[in-house]
Structures are given as C-alpha cells and as structure tokens.
Amino acid sequence: MPAKYRPDRDGTHRGAFERNKKKIYATQSVCGICGKPVDMSLRWPHPLSKCLDHIIPVAKGGHPSDIDNLQLAHLTCNRQKSDKIAESYGNVTDALSNRVLPWTYDWTNYKAK
C-alpha cells in the first residue's frame, strides 16, 4: 500500500512550505499549542525541540503551505495534538477530542467523602 501523498513534504507546496518555515522560525518564539517558550537551540528528536504545526491539519483540509495555517510548536505538543483541530479560549488552547483528560491528580489534597 503506497504512503499518503503530502504536498508539503514533496511536490507542489514544498518550496513555499520551506520559505514559510524559515519565516516562522525567525519571527515566533512561543509554542502555538501550549503557549510556552520554545528553545530554538534544541534539535530533533528532543521532545521540546521546535517544529511546525498545521493549525488546521492537512488531513482535515488545511492548506499545506499557507503561512496563516502554520505556527511554531514543541515537537511533543504537535504530536499530542496530532490531526485534531484546536480551539482557542483566550490564552488557553484545548484540542477537540475525547482524550483531553488531566495528566495527574494532586492526591495530597484529596479528601474522602
């Protein structure tokens, strides 16, 4: 079975994607998903390294190389978002899915009823 064709990886949109990637890396410094600073010196495969996120995923019909559909993100944030569409509420961004659950619970403040 052949791999799915991604126009931002090769083909028609590759050149525009690379130009916009350089612009975003030069002008943005905060992750568009979690809102925390991105350390530009970290390199892949470090989980907090820089990468580009498609705001509207290509799999959901987003434009593969339009600068308005690209944002800076941490590698781990982008992987957790996957192909979900995020919805912004002020400075907080939540991914629309059934897996948005708290990662930890502070059991020291737990009181049994």
C-alpha atoms as a PDB file:
ATOM      1  CA  MET A   1       0.000   0.000   0.000  1.00  0.00           C
ATOM      2  CA  PRO A   2       1.579   3.339  -1.029  1.00  0.00           C
ATOM      3  CA  ALA A   3       2.125   6.087   1.536  1.00  0.00           C
ATOM      4  CA  LYS A   4      -0.303   9.011   1.523  1.00  0.00           C
ATOM      5  CA  TYR A   5       0.833  11.913  -0.614  1.00  0.00           C
ATOM      6  CA  ARG A   6       1.679  15.051   1.399  1.00  0.00           C
ATOM      7  CA  PRO A   7       2.156  18.126  -0.815  1.00  0.00           C
ATOM      8  CA  ASP A   8       4.105  19.927   1.944  1.00  0.00           C
ATOM      9  CA  ARG A   9       6.730  17.146   2.049  1.00  0.00           C
ATOM     10  CA  ASP A  10       7.343  16.859  -1.685  1.00  0.00           C
ATOM     11  CA  GLY A  11       5.798  18.281  -4.717  1.00  0.00           C
ATOM     12  CA  THR A  12       3.883  21.442  -5.369  1.00  0.00           C
ATOM     13  CA  HIS A  13       3.948  23.061  -1.900  1.00  0.00           C
ATOM     14  CA  ARG A  14       7.423  22.057  -0.711  1.00  0.00           C
ATOM     15  CA  GLY A  15       9.179  25.303  -1.718  1.00  0.00           C
ATOM     16  CA  ALA A  16       6.520  27.554  -0.173  1.00  0.00           C
ATOM     17  CA  PHE A  17       6.475  25.401   2.988  1.00  0.00           C
ATOM     18  CA  GLU A  18      10.254  25.723   3.429  1.00  0.00           C
ATOM     19  CA  ARG A  19      10.190  29.526   2.894  1.00  0.00           C
ATOM     20  CA  ASN A  20       7.349  29.935   5.418  1.00  0.00           C
ATOM     21  CA  LYS A  21       9.116  27.618   7.882  1.00  0.00           C
ATOM     22  CA  LYS A  22      12.174  29.920   7.851  1.00  0.00           C
ATOM     23  CA  LYS A  23       9.943  32.991   8.392  1.00  0.00           C
ATOM     24  CA  ILE A  24       8.145  31.394  11.335  1.00  0.00           C
ATOM     25  CA  TYR A  25      11.386  30.200  12.961  1.00  0.00           C
ATOM     26  CA  ALA A  26      12.770  33.751  12.616  1.00  0.00           C
ATOM     27  CA  THR A  27       9.695  35.587  13.952  1.00  0.00           C
ATOM     28  CA  GLN A  28       7.976  33.323  16.501  1.00  0.00           C
ATOM     29  CA  SER A  29       9.299  32.130  19.854  1.00  0.00           C
ATOM     30  CA  VAL A  30       6.249  30.725  21.672  1.00  0.00           C
ATOM     31  CA  CYS A  31       4.522  27.384  21.109  1.00  0.00           C
ATOM     32  CA  GLY A  32       1.155  27.994  19.435  1.00  0.00           C
ATOM     33  CA  ILE A  33      -0.342  24.984  21.238  1.00  0.00           C
ATOM     34  CA  CYS A  34       0.791  25.266  24.888  1.00  0.00           C
ATOM     35  CA  GLY A  35       1.824  28.950  24.952  1.00  0.00           C
ATOM     36  CA  LYS A  36       5.278  28.308  26.485  1.00  0.00           C
ATOM     37  CA  PRO A  37       8.603  29.490  25.010  1.00  0.00           C
ATOM     38  CA  VAL A  38      10.358  27.232  22.507  1.00  0.00           C
ATOM     39  CA  ASP A  39      14.122  26.731  22.940  1.00  0.00           C
ATOM     40  CA  MET A  40      15.356  27.132  19.361  1.00  0.00           C
ATOM     41  CA  SER A  41      18.720  25.516  20.189  1.00  0.00           C
ATOM     42  CA  LEU A  42      17.187  22.093  20.887  1.00  0.00           C
ATOM     43  CA  ARG A  43      17.275  19.697  17.938  1.00  0.00           C
ATOM     44  CA  TRP A  44      15.059  16.824  16.857  1.00  0.00           C
ATOM     45  CA  PRO A  45      14.313  14.279  18.447  1.00  0.00           C
ATOM     46  CA  HIS A  46      14.282  16.232  21.736  1.00  0.00           C
ATOM     47  CA  PRO A  47      10.598  16.453  22.843  1.00  0.00           C
ATOM     48  CA  LEU A  48      10.792  20.231  23.355  1.00  0.00           C
ATOM     49  CA  SER A  49      12.530  20.932  20.051  1.00  0.00           C
ATOM     50  CA  LYS A  50      10.966  23.268  17.511  1.00  0.00           C
ATOM     51  CA  CYS A  51       8.647  22.115  14.754  1.00  0.00           C
ATOM     52  CA  LEU A  52       5.840  23.498  12.639  1.00  0.00           C
ATOM     53  CA  ASP A  53       2.206  22.766  13.356  1.00  0.00           C
ATOM     54  CA  HIS A  54      -0.583  22.992  10.810  1.00  0.00           C
ATOM     55  CA  ILE A  55      -3.340  24.846  12.694  1.00  0.00           C
ATOM     56  CA  ILE A  56      -5.944  23.116  10.545  1.00  0.00           C
ATOM     57  CA  PRO A  57      -4.358  19.717   9.807  1.00  0.00           C
ATOM     58  CA  VAL A  58      -3.712  18.825   6.181  1.00  0.00           C
ATOM     59  CA  ALA A  59      -5.702  15.624   6.832  1.00  0.00           C
ATOM     60  CA  LYS A  60      -8.724  17.800   7.739  1.00  0.00           C
ATOM     61  CA  GLY A  61      -8.443  20.034   4.661  1.00  0.00           C
ATOM     62  CA  GLY A  62      -5.926  22.631   5.893  1.00  0.00           C
ATOM     63  CA  HIS A  63      -3.620  24.300   3.389  1.00  0.00           C
ATOM     64  CA  PRO A  64      -0.220  22.574   3.466  1.00  0.00           C
ATOM     65  CA  SER A  65       1.987  25.645   2.952  1.00  0.00           C
ATOM     66  CA  ASP A  66      -0.058  28.797   3.722  1.00  0.00           C
ATOM     67  CA  ILE A  67       1.742  30.838   6.401  1.00  0.00           C
ATOM     68  CA  ASP A  68      -1.628  31.593   8.042  1.00  0.00           C
ATOM     69  CA  ASN A  69      -2.086  27.841   8.637  1.00  0.00           C
ATOM     70  CA  LEU A  70       1.368  27.316  10.186  1.00  0.00           C
ATOM     71  CA  GLN A  71       2.577  28.013  13.715  1.00  0.00           C
ATOM     72  CA  LEU A  72       5.619  27.258  15.842  1.00  0.00           C
ATOM     73  CA  ALA A  73       5.182  24.360  18.275  1.00  0.00           C
ATOM     74  CA  HIS A  74       7.093  21.989  20.534  1.00  0.00           C
ATOM     75  CA  LEU A  75       7.541  18.561  18.975  1.00  0.00           C
ATOM     76  CA  THR A  76       5.687  16.886  21.846  1.00  0.00           C
ATOM     77  CA  CYS A  77       2.781  19.368  21.728  1.00  0.00           C
ATOM     78  CA  ASN A  78       2.418  18.828  17.996  1.00  0.00           C
ATOM     79  CA  ARG A  79       2.439  15.050  18.403  1.00  0.00           C
ATOM     80  CA  GLN A  80      -0.205  15.192  21.128  1.00  0.00           C
ATOM     81  CA  LYS A  81      -2.389  17.449  19.007  1.00  0.00           C
ATOM     82  CA  SER A  82      -1.951  15.025  16.098  1.00  0.00           C
ATOM     83  CA  ASP A  83      -4.619  15.669  13.440  1.00  0.00           C
ATOM     84  CA  LYS A  84      -7.107  17.248  15.846  1.00  0.00           C
ATOM     85  CA  ILE A  85      -8.341  20.797  15.412  1.00  0.00           C
ATOM     86  CA  ALA A  86      -7.563  23.021  18.412  1.00  0.00           C
ATOM     87  CA  GLU A  87      -9.970  25.608  19.736  1.00  0.00           C
ATOM     88  CA  SER A  88      -8.647  28.733  21.476  1.00  0.00           C
ATOM     89  CA  TYR A  89     -10.138  30.343  24.568  1.00  0.00           C
ATOM     90  CA  GLY A  90      -8.062  33.425  25.356  1.00  0.00           C
ATOM     91  CA  ASN A  91      -4.554  32.140  26.134  1.00  0.00           C
ATOM     92  CA  VAL A  92      -5.660  28.517  26.618  1.00  0.00           C
ATOM     93  CA  THR A  93      -5.861  26.075  23.744  1.00  0.00           C
ATOM     94  CA  ASP A  94      -7.706  22.767  24.057  1.00  0.00           C
ATOM     95  CA  ALA A  95      -7.668  20.050  21.445  1.00  0.00           C
ATOM     96  CA  LEU A  96     -11.109  18.852  20.479  1.00  0.00           C
ATOM     97  CA  SER A  97     -11.096  15.150  21.270  1.00  0.00           C
ATOM     98  CA  ASN A  98     -12.324  12.643  23.783  1.00  0.00           C
ATOM     99  CA  ARG A  99      -8.800  12.262  25.209  1.00  0.00           C
ATOM    100  CA  VAL A 100      -8.415  15.684  26.846  1.00  0.00           C
ATOM    101  CA  LEU A 101      -8.010  14.453  30.410  1.00  0.00           C
ATOM    102  CA  PRO A 102      -5.861  15.649  33.317  1.00  0.00           C
ATOM    103  CA  TRP A 103      -2.421  14.056  33.269  1.00  0.00           C
ATOM    104  CA  THR A 104      -2.020  13.959  37.055  1.00  0.00           C
ATOM    105  CA  TYR A 105      -4.066  14.425  40.160  1.00  0.00           C
ATOM    106  CA  ASP A 106      -2.766  16.008  43.356  1.00  0.00           C
ATOM    107  CA  TRP A 107      -3.602  13.239  45.837  1.00  0.00           C
ATOM    108  CA  THR A 108      -2.162  15.214  48.793  1.00  0.00           C
ATOM    109  CA  ASN A 109      -5.284  17.427  48.756  1.00  0.00           C
ATOM    110  CA  TYR A 110      -7.735  14.543  48.296  1.00  0.00           C
ATOM    111  CA  LYS A 111     -10.468  14.276  50.920  1.00  0.00           C
ATOM    112  CA  ALA A 112     -12.700  11.224  51.023  1.00  0.00           C
ATOM    113  CA  LYS A 113     -16.426  11.942  51.305  1.00  0.00           C
END
